[in-house]
Amino acid sequence: TKDYFSYFRSSNDDKDHDIFLKIAEDFYSY
C-alpha cells in the first residue's frame, strides 16, 4: 500500500533511490 513508500525511504540512504521512490510514489497516486 502507499504507506510502504515511506518505509522504503526510511530504510534507504541512497540519494538517487530516494529520487526514484519520490517519482514512483507520485506516479502510483496518479
PDB file of all heavy atoms in Angstrom:
ATOM      1  N   THR A   1       0.845  -1.185   0.000  1.00  0.00           N
ATOM      2  CA  THR A   1       0.000   0.000   0.000  1.00  0.00           C
ATOM      3  C   THR A   1       0.887   1.244   0.000  1.00  0.00           C
ATOM      4  O   THR A   1       2.104   1.160   0.206  1.00  0.00           O
ATOM      5  CB  THR A   1      -0.922   0.013   1.230  1.00  0.00           C
ATOM      6  OG1 THR A   1      -0.114  -0.145   2.406  1.00  0.00           O
ATOM      7  CG2 THR A   1      -1.930  -1.118   1.143  1.00  0.00           C
ATOM      8  N   LYS A   2       0.263   2.412  -0.194  1.00  0.00           N
ATOM      9  CA  LYS A   2       1.035   3.635  -0.407  1.00  0.00           C
ATOM     10  C   LYS A   2       1.971   3.959   0.750  1.00  0.00           C
ATOM     11  O   LYS A   2       3.039   4.544   0.558  1.00  0.00           O
ATOM     12  CB  LYS A   2       0.084   4.808  -0.658  1.00  0.00           C
ATOM     13  CG  LYS A   2       0.801   6.054  -1.150  1.00  0.00           C
ATOM     14  CD  LYS A   2      -0.167   7.158  -1.513  1.00  0.00           C
ATOM     15  CE  LYS A   2       0.590   8.400  -1.986  1.00  0.00           C
ATOM     16  NZ  LYS A   2      -0.316   9.505  -2.349  1.00  0.00           N
ATOM     17  N   ASP A   3       1.615   3.570   1.974  1.00  0.00           N
ATOM     18  CA  ASP A   3       2.471   3.894   3.114  1.00  0.00           C
ATOM     19  C   ASP A   3       3.812   3.174   3.069  1.00  0.00           C
ATOM     20  O   ASP A   3       4.751   3.545   3.790  1.00  0.00           O
ATOM     21  CB  ASP A   3       1.755   3.590   4.435  1.00  0.00           C
ATOM     22  CG  ASP A   3       1.265   2.158   4.528  1.00  0.00           C
ATOM     23  OD1 ASP A   3       1.112   1.518   3.483  1.00  0.00           O
ATOM     24  OD2 ASP A   3       1.024   1.688   5.653  1.00  0.00           O
ATOM     25  N   TYR A   4       3.934   2.154   2.195  1.00  0.00           N
ATOM     26  CA  TYR A   4       5.211   1.459   2.061  1.00  0.00           C
ATOM     27  C   TYR A   4       6.291   2.367   1.478  1.00  0.00           C
ATOM     28  O   TYR A   4       7.480   2.137   1.694  1.00  0.00           O
ATOM     29  CB  TYR A   4       5.069   0.213   1.192  1.00  0.00           C
ATOM     30  CG  TYR A   4       4.687  -1.023   1.970  1.00  0.00           C
ATOM     31  CD1 TYR A   4       3.363  -1.266   2.323  1.00  0.00           C
ATOM     32  CD2 TYR A   4       5.645  -1.946   2.363  1.00  0.00           C
ATOM     33  CE1 TYR A   4       2.998  -2.397   3.041  1.00  0.00           C
ATOM     34  CE2 TYR A   4       5.300  -3.081   3.078  1.00  0.00           C
ATOM     35  CZ  TYR A   4       3.978  -3.296   3.408  1.00  0.00           C
ATOM     36  OH  TYR A   4       3.633  -4.415   4.121  1.00  0.00           O
ATOM     37  N   PHE A   5       5.890   3.387   0.720  1.00  0.00           N
ATOM     38  CA  PHE A   5       6.892   4.298   0.168  1.00  0.00           C
ATOM     39  C   PHE A   5       7.672   4.980   1.284  1.00  0.00           C
ATOM     40  O   PHE A   5       8.889   5.161   1.199  1.00  0.00           O
ATOM     41  CB  PHE A   5       6.240   5.326  -0.754  1.00  0.00           C
ATOM     42  CG  PHE A   5       5.867   4.783  -2.095  1.00  0.00           C
ATOM     43  CD1 PHE A   5       4.542   4.506  -2.406  1.00  0.00           C
ATOM     44  CD2 PHE A   5       6.838   4.547  -3.060  1.00  0.00           C
ATOM     45  CE1 PHE A   5       4.189   4.001  -3.646  1.00  0.00           C
ATOM     46  CE2 PHE A   5       6.500   4.041  -4.304  1.00  0.00           C
ATOM     47  CZ  PHE A   5       5.171   3.772  -4.604  1.00  0.00           C
ATOM     48  N   SER A   6       6.973   5.369   2.338  1.00  0.00           N
ATOM     49  CA  SER A   6       7.646   5.991   3.482  1.00  0.00           C
ATOM     50  C   SER A   6       8.599   5.002   4.136  1.00  0.00           C
ATOM     51  O   SER A   6       9.717   5.357   4.534  1.00  0.00           O
ATOM     52  CB  SER A   6       6.617   6.471   4.510  1.00  0.00           C
ATOM     53  OG  SER A   6       5.786   7.460   3.950  1.00  0.00           O
ATOM     54  N   TYR A   7       8.163   3.757   4.231  1.00  0.00           N
ATOM     55  CA  TYR A   7       9.017   2.724   4.813  1.00  0.00           C
ATOM     56  C   TYR A   7      10.268   2.509   3.957  1.00  0.00           C
ATOM     57  O   TYR A   7      11.386   2.412   4.476  1.00  0.00           O
ATOM     58  CB  TYR A   7       8.237   1.418   4.943  1.00  0.00           C
ATOM     59  CG  TYR A   7       9.105   0.225   5.283  1.00  0.00           C
ATOM     60  CD1 TYR A   7       9.642   0.085   6.560  1.00  0.00           C
ATOM     61  CD2 TYR A   7       9.392  -0.733   4.319  1.00  0.00           C
ATOM     62  CE1 TYR A   7      10.449  -1.004   6.873  1.00  0.00           C
ATOM     63  CE2 TYR A   7      10.191  -1.821   4.621  1.00  0.00           C
ATOM     64  CZ  TYR A   7      10.727  -1.949   5.901  1.00  0.00           C
ATOM     65  OH  TYR A   7      11.531  -3.020   6.201  1.00  0.00           O
ATOM     66  N   PHE A   8      10.090   2.445   2.641  1.00  0.00           N
ATOM     67  CA  PHE A   8      11.238   2.266   1.750  1.00  0.00           C
ATOM     68  C   PHE A   8      12.241   3.400   1.925  1.00  0.00           C
ATOM     69  O   PHE A   8      13.453   3.170   1.997  1.00  0.00           O
ATOM     70  CB  PHE A   8      10.778   2.213   0.293  1.00  0.00           C
ATOM     71  CG  PHE A   8       9.957   1.004  -0.074  1.00  0.00           C
ATOM     72  CD1 PHE A   8       9.071   1.050  -1.146  1.00  0.00           C
ATOM     73  CD2 PHE A   8      10.074  -0.176   0.640  1.00  0.00           C
ATOM     74  CE1 PHE A   8       8.320  -0.053  -1.502  1.00  0.00           C
ATOM     75  CE2 PHE A   8       9.315  -1.294   0.305  1.00  0.00           C
ATOM     76  CZ  PHE A   8       8.430  -1.225  -0.773  1.00  0.00           C
ATOM     77  N   ARG A   9      11.731   4.621   1.985  1.00  0.00           N
ATOM     78  CA  ARG A   9      12.635   5.769   2.099  1.00  0.00           C
ATOM     79  C   ARG A   9      13.333   5.805   3.462  1.00  0.00           C
ATOM     80  O   ARG A   9      14.499   6.209   3.565  1.00  0.00           O
ATOM     81  CB  ARG A   9      11.876   7.075   1.846  1.00  0.00           C
ATOM     82  CG  ARG A   9      11.641   7.348   0.362  1.00  0.00           C
ATOM     83  CD  ARG A   9      11.317   8.820   0.133  1.00  0.00           C
ATOM     84  NE  ARG A   9      10.038   9.174   0.709  1.00  0.00           N
ATOM     85  CZ  ARG A   9       8.868   9.049   0.065  1.00  0.00           C
ATOM     86  NH1 ARG A   9       8.836   8.591  -1.182  1.00  0.00           N
ATOM     87  NH2 ARG A   9       7.746   9.387   0.653  1.00  0.00           N
ATOM     88  N   SER A  10      12.636   5.378   4.493  1.00  0.00           N
ATOM     89  CA  SER A  10      13.238   5.401   5.834  1.00  0.00           C
ATOM     90  C   SER A  10      14.361   4.373   5.961  1.00  0.00           C
ATOM     91  O   SER A  10      15.254   4.529   6.803  1.00  0.00           O
ATOM     92  CB  SER A  10      12.173   5.130   6.909  1.00  0.00           C
ATOM     93  OG  SER A  10      11.686   3.801   6.815  1.00  0.00           O
ATOM     94  N   SER A  11      14.318   3.335   5.141  1.00  0.00           N
ATOM     95  CA  SER A  11      15.355   2.291   5.200  1.00  0.00           C
ATOM     96  C   SER A  11      16.408   2.480   4.118  1.00  0.00           C
ATOM     97  O   SER A  11      17.189   1.575   3.837  1.00  0.00           O
ATOM     98  CB  SER A  11      14.705   0.917   5.045  1.00  0.00           C
ATOM     99  OG  SER A  11      14.034   0.813   3.789  1.00  0.00           O
ATOM    100  N   ASN A  12      16.426   3.668   3.500  1.00  0.00           N
ATOM    101  CA  ASN A  12      17.302   3.914   2.362  1.00  0.00           C
ATOM    102  C   ASN A  12      18.165   5.143   2.611  1.00  0.00           C
ATOM    103  O   ASN A  12      17.703   6.153   3.134  1.00  0.00           O
ATOM    104  CB  ASN A  12      16.434   4.122   1.102  1.00  0.00           C
ATOM    105  CG  ASN A  12      17.153   4.921   0.045  1.00  0.00           C
ATOM    106  OD1 ASN A  12      18.167   4.486  -0.472  1.00  0.00           O
ATOM    107  ND2 ASN A  12      16.638   6.104  -0.258  1.00  0.00           N
ATOM    108  N   ASP A  13      19.447   5.037   2.253  1.00  0.00           N
ATOM    109  CA  ASP A  13      20.330   6.194   2.382  1.00  0.00           C
ATOM    110  C   ASP A  13      20.975   6.556   1.042  1.00  0.00           C
ATOM    111  O   ASP A  13      22.011   7.205   0.998  1.00  0.00           O
ATOM    112  CB  ASP A  13      21.417   5.935   3.440  1.00  0.00           C
ATOM    113  CG  ASP A  13      22.251   4.697   3.125  1.00  0.00           C
ATOM    114  OD1 ASP A  13      22.029   4.084   2.065  1.00  0.00           O
ATOM    115  OD2 ASP A  13      23.128   4.364   3.944  1.00  0.00           O
ATOM    116  N   ASP A  14      20.358   6.120  -0.038  1.00  0.00           N
ATOM    117  CA  ASP A  14      20.851   6.394  -1.386  1.00  0.00           C
ATOM    118  C   ASP A  14      20.044   7.541  -1.973  1.00  0.00           C
ATOM    119  O   ASP A  14      18.827   7.432  -2.157  1.00  0.00           O
ATOM    120  CB  ASP A  14      20.720   5.131  -2.257  1.00  0.00           C
ATOM    121  CG  ASP A  14      21.351   5.285  -3.628  1.00  0.00           C
ATOM    122  OD1 ASP A  14      21.070   6.303  -4.302  1.00  0.00           O
ATOM    123  OD2 ASP A  14      22.106   4.390  -4.049  1.00  0.00           O
ATOM    124  N   LYS A  15      20.697   8.646  -2.277  1.00  0.00           N
ATOM    125  CA  LYS A  15      20.006   9.832  -2.780  1.00  0.00           C
ATOM    126  C   LYS A  15      19.241   9.535  -4.063  1.00  0.00           C
ATOM    127  O   LYS A  15      18.093   9.987  -4.235  1.00  0.00           O
ATOM    128  CB  LYS A  15      21.022  10.957  -3.029  1.00  0.00           C
ATOM    129  CG  LYS A  15      20.398  12.205  -3.658  1.00  0.00           C
ATOM    130  CD  LYS A  15      21.463  13.199  -4.081  1.00  0.00           C
ATOM    131  CE  LYS A  15      20.832  14.350  -4.848  1.00  0.00           C
ATOM    132  NZ  LYS A  15      21.852  15.278  -5.391  1.00  0.00           N
ATOM    133  N   ASP A  16      19.863   8.782  -4.964  1.00  0.00           N
ATOM    134  CA  ASP A  16      19.218   8.504  -6.246  1.00  0.00           C
ATOM    135  C   ASP A  16      18.026   7.565  -6.088  1.00  0.00           C
ATOM    136  O   ASP A  16      17.031   7.691  -6.790  1.00  0.00           O
ATOM    137  CB  ASP A  16      20.238   7.935  -7.230  1.00  0.00           C
ATOM    138  CG  ASP A  16      21.363   8.914  -7.504  1.00  0.00           C
ATOM    139  OD1 ASP A  16      21.058  10.041  -7.912  1.00  0.00           O
ATOM    140  OD2 ASP A  16      22.527   8.561  -7.285  1.00  0.00           O
ATOM    141  N   HIS A  17      18.128   6.613  -5.151  1.00  0.00           N
ATOM    142  CA  HIS A  17      16.971   5.780  -4.845  1.00  0.00           C
ATOM    143  C   HIS A  17      15.835   6.646  -4.312  1.00  0.00           C
ATOM    144  O   HIS A  17      14.666   6.426  -4.629  1.00  0.00           O
ATOM    145  CB  HIS A  17      17.342   4.717  -3.810  1.00  0.00           C
ATOM    146  CG  HIS A  17      18.038   3.535  -4.397  1.00  0.00           C
ATOM    147  ND1 HIS A  17      17.991   2.286  -3.818  1.00  0.00           N
ATOM    148  CD2 HIS A  17      18.786   3.394  -5.517  1.00  0.00           C
ATOM    149  CE1 HIS A  17      18.694   1.429  -4.548  1.00  0.00           C
ATOM    150  NE2 HIS A  17      19.188   2.091  -5.579  1.00  0.00           N
ATOM    151  N   ASP A  18      16.193   7.603  -3.480  1.00  0.00           N
ATOM    152  CA  ASP A  18      15.169   8.488  -2.893  1.00  0.00           C
ATOM    153  C   ASP A  18      14.446   9.275  -3.980  1.00  0.00           C
ATOM    154  O   ASP A  18      13.218   9.447  -3.920  1.00  0.00           O
ATOM    155  CB  ASP A  18      15.828   9.435  -1.905  1.00  0.00           C
ATOM    156  CG  ASP A  18      14.813  10.070  -0.966  1.00  0.00           C
ATOM    157  OD1 ASP A  18      14.186   9.321  -0.189  1.00  0.00           O
ATOM    158  OD2 ASP A  18      14.639  11.296  -1.035  1.00  0.00           O
ATOM    159  N   ILE A  19      15.189   9.732  -4.970  1.00  0.00           N
ATOM    160  CA  ILE A  19      14.576  10.459  -6.092  1.00  0.00           C
ATOM    161  C   ILE A  19      13.598   9.548  -6.820  1.00  0.00           C
ATOM    162  O   ILE A  19      12.462   9.948  -7.117  1.00  0.00           O
ATOM    163  CB  ILE A  19      15.656  10.974  -7.064  1.00  0.00           C
ATOM    164  CG1 ILE A  19      16.493  12.065  -6.407  1.00  0.00           C
ATOM    165  CG2 ILE A  19      15.013  11.508  -8.353  1.00  0.00           C
ATOM    166  CD1 ILE A  19      17.698  12.495  -7.222  1.00  0.00           C
ATOM    167  N   PHE A  20      14.032   8.313  -7.097  1.00  0.00           N
ATOM    168  CA  PHE A  20      13.148   7.393  -7.816  1.00  0.00           C
ATOM    169  C   PHE A  20      11.897   7.079  -7.001  1.00  0.00           C
ATOM    170  O   PHE A  20      10.780   7.039  -7.538  1.00  0.00           O
ATOM    171  CB  PHE A  20      13.876   6.095  -8.172  1.00  0.00           C
ATOM    172  CG  PHE A  20      13.007   5.123  -8.920  1.00  0.00           C
ATOM    173  CD1 PHE A  20      12.874   5.208 -10.296  1.00  0.00           C
ATOM    174  CD2 PHE A  20      12.287   4.136  -8.259  1.00  0.00           C
ATOM    175  CE1 PHE A  20      12.056   4.336 -10.992  1.00  0.00           C
ATOM    176  CE2 PHE A  20      11.461   3.260  -8.938  1.00  0.00           C
ATOM    177  CZ  PHE A  20      11.346   3.356 -10.315  1.00  0.00           C
ATOM    178  N   LEU A  21      12.069   6.820  -5.709  1.00  0.00           N
ATOM    179  CA  LEU A  21      10.917   6.491  -4.865  1.00  0.00           C
ATOM    180  C   LEU A  21       9.928   7.647  -4.808  1.00  0.00           C
ATOM    181  O   LEU A  21       8.709   7.436  -4.768  1.00  0.00           O
ATOM    182  CB  LEU A  21      11.387   6.117  -3.455  1.00  0.00           C
ATOM    183  CG  LEU A  21      12.148   4.785  -3.347  1.00  0.00           C
ATOM    184  CD1 LEU A  21      12.788   4.651  -1.968  1.00  0.00           C
ATOM    185  CD2 LEU A  21      11.230   3.607  -3.633  1.00  0.00           C
ATOM    186  N   LYS A  22      10.444   8.866  -4.829  1.00  0.00           N
ATOM    187  CA  LYS A  22       9.577  10.049  -4.865  1.00  0.00           C
ATOM    188  C   LYS A  22       8.763  10.066  -6.155  1.00  0.00           C
ATOM    189  O   LYS A  22       7.541  10.307  -6.144  1.00  0.00           O
ATOM    190  CB  LYS A  22      10.429  11.308  -4.749  1.00  0.00           C
ATOM    191  CG  LYS A  22       9.657  12.610  -4.834  1.00  0.00           C
ATOM    192  CD  LYS A  22      10.623  13.797  -4.772  1.00  0.00           C
ATOM    193  CE  LYS A  22       9.899  15.106  -5.003  1.00  0.00           C
ATOM    194  NZ  LYS A  22      10.858  16.251  -5.046  1.00  0.00           N
ATOM    195  N   ILE A  23       9.428   9.801  -7.280  1.00  0.00           N
ATOM    196  CA  ILE A  23       8.749   9.755  -8.581  1.00  0.00           C
ATOM    197  C   ILE A  23       7.730   8.619  -8.603  1.00  0.00           C
ATOM    198  O   ILE A  23       6.591   8.783  -9.045  1.00  0.00           O
ATOM    199  CB  ILE A  23       9.772   9.568  -9.724  1.00  0.00           C
ATOM    200  CG1 ILE A  23      10.744  10.743  -9.788  1.00  0.00           C
ATOM    201  CG2 ILE A  23       9.058   9.387 -11.063  1.00  0.00           C
ATOM    202  CD1 ILE A  23      11.992  10.456 -10.619  1.00  0.00           C
ATOM    203  N   ALA A  24       8.155   7.439  -8.125  1.00  0.00           N
ATOM    204  CA  ALA A  24       7.280   6.265  -8.151  1.00  0.00           C
ATOM    205  C   ALA A  24       6.027   6.480  -7.307  1.00  0.00           C
ATOM    206  O   ALA A  24       4.919   6.090  -7.707  1.00  0.00           O
ATOM    207  CB  ALA A  24       8.043   5.033  -7.658  1.00  0.00           C
ATOM    208  N   GLU A  25       6.171   7.112  -6.140  1.00  0.00           N
ATOM    209  CA  GLU A  25       5.006   7.378  -5.291  1.00  0.00           C
ATOM    210  C   GLU A  25       4.059   8.347  -5.973  1.00  0.00           C
ATOM    211  O   GLU A  25       2.833   8.168  -5.942  1.00  0.00           O
ATOM    212  CB  GLU A  25       5.445   7.939  -3.954  1.00  0.00           C
ATOM    213  CG  GLU A  25       4.281   8.212  -3.013  1.00  0.00           C
ATOM    214  CD  GLU A  25       4.706   8.662  -1.635  1.00  0.00           C
ATOM    215  OE1 GLU A  25       5.913   8.902  -1.434  1.00  0.00           O
ATOM    216  OE2 GLU A  25       3.821   8.790  -0.762  1.00  0.00           O
ATOM    217  N   ASP A  26       4.627   9.374  -6.601  1.00  0.00           N
ATOM    218  CA  ASP A  26       3.797  10.356  -7.302  1.00  0.00           C
ATOM    219  C   ASP A  26       3.053   9.688  -8.462  1.00  0.00           C
ATOM    220  O   ASP A  26       1.850   9.913  -8.653  1.00  0.00           O
ATOM    221  CB  ASP A  26       4.674  11.496  -7.820  1.00  0.00           C
ATOM    222  CG  ASP A  26       3.855  12.664  -8.348  1.00  0.00           C
ATOM    223  OD1 ASP A  26       2.980  13.158  -7.607  1.00  0.00           O
ATOM    224  OD2 ASP A  26       4.067  13.069  -9.503  1.00  0.00           O
ATOM    225  N   PHE A  27       3.757   8.848  -9.209  1.00  0.00           N
ATOM    226  CA  PHE A  27       3.097   8.172 -10.324  1.00  0.00           C
ATOM    227  C   PHE A  27       2.059   7.168  -9.826  1.00  0.00           C
ATOM    228  O   PHE A  27       0.981   7.023 -10.419  1.00  0.00           O
ATOM    229  CB  PHE A  27       4.094   7.459 -11.231  1.00  0.00           C
ATOM    230  CG  PHE A  27       3.420   6.615 -12.281  1.00  0.00           C
ATOM    231  CD1 PHE A  27       2.707   7.216 -13.316  1.00  0.00           C
ATOM    232  CD2 PHE A  27       3.431   5.227 -12.208  1.00  0.00           C
ATOM    233  CE1 PHE A  27       2.036   6.447 -14.266  1.00  0.00           C
ATOM    234  CE2 PHE A  27       2.779   4.451 -13.156  1.00  0.00           C
ATOM    235  CZ  PHE A  27       2.076   5.068 -14.185  1.00  0.00           C
ATOM    236  N   TYR A  28       2.374   6.459  -8.732  1.00  0.00           N
ATOM    237  CA  TYR A  28       1.419   5.492  -8.179  1.00  0.00           C
ATOM    238  C   TYR A  28       0.086   6.175  -7.872  1.00  0.00           C
ATOM    239  O   TYR A  28      -0.989   5.650  -8.206  1.00  0.00           O
ATOM    240  CB  TYR A  28       1.996   4.861  -6.916  1.00  0.00           C
ATOM    241  CG  TYR A  28       1.033   3.961  -6.179  1.00  0.00           C
ATOM    242  CD1 TYR A  28       0.809   2.657  -6.600  1.00  0.00           C
ATOM    243  CD2 TYR A  28       0.335   4.431  -5.064  1.00  0.00           C
ATOM    244  CE1 TYR A  28      -0.083   1.824  -5.930  1.00  0.00           C
ATOM    245  CE2 TYR A  28      -0.557   3.619  -4.388  1.00  0.00           C
ATOM    246  CZ  TYR A  28      -0.766   2.325  -4.820  1.00  0.00           C
ATOM    247  OH  TYR A  28      -1.661   1.513  -4.162  1.00  0.00           O
ATOM    248  N   SER A  29       0.144   7.359  -7.253  1.00  0.00           N
ATOM    249  CA  SER A  29      -1.083   8.111  -6.951  1.00  0.00           C
ATOM    250  C   SER A  29      -1.803   8.496  -8.235  1.00  0.00           C
ATOM    251  O   SER A  29      -3.030   8.366  -8.340  1.00  0.00           O
ATOM    252  CB  SER A  29      -0.745   9.366  -6.140  1.00  0.00           C
ATOM    253  OG  SER A  29      -0.176   9.027  -4.902  1.00  0.00           O
ATOM    254  N   TYR A  30      -1.033   8.966  -9.204  1.00  0.00           N
ATOM    255  CA  TYR A  30      -1.614   9.362 -10.490  1.00  0.00           C
ATOM    256  C   TYR A  30      -2.254   8.149 -11.178  1.00  0.00           C
ATOM    257  O   TYR A  30      -3.369   8.240 -11.714  1.00  0.00           O
ATOM    258  CB  TYR A  30      -0.512   9.941 -11.388  1.00  0.00           C
ATOM    259  CG  TYR A  30      -0.988  10.458 -12.724  1.00  0.00           C
ATOM    260  CD1 TYR A  30      -1.364  11.792 -12.877  1.00  0.00           C
ATOM    261  CD2 TYR A  30      -1.070   9.615 -13.839  1.00  0.00           C
ATOM    262  CE1 TYR A  30      -1.802  12.283 -14.110  1.00  0.00           C
ATOM    263  CE2 TYR A  30      -1.516  10.090 -15.059  1.00  0.00           C
ATOM    264  CZ  TYR A  30      -1.869  11.417 -15.192  1.00  0.00           C
ATOM    265  OH  TYR A  30      -2.305  11.880 -16.409  1.00  0.00           O
TER     266      TYR A  30
END
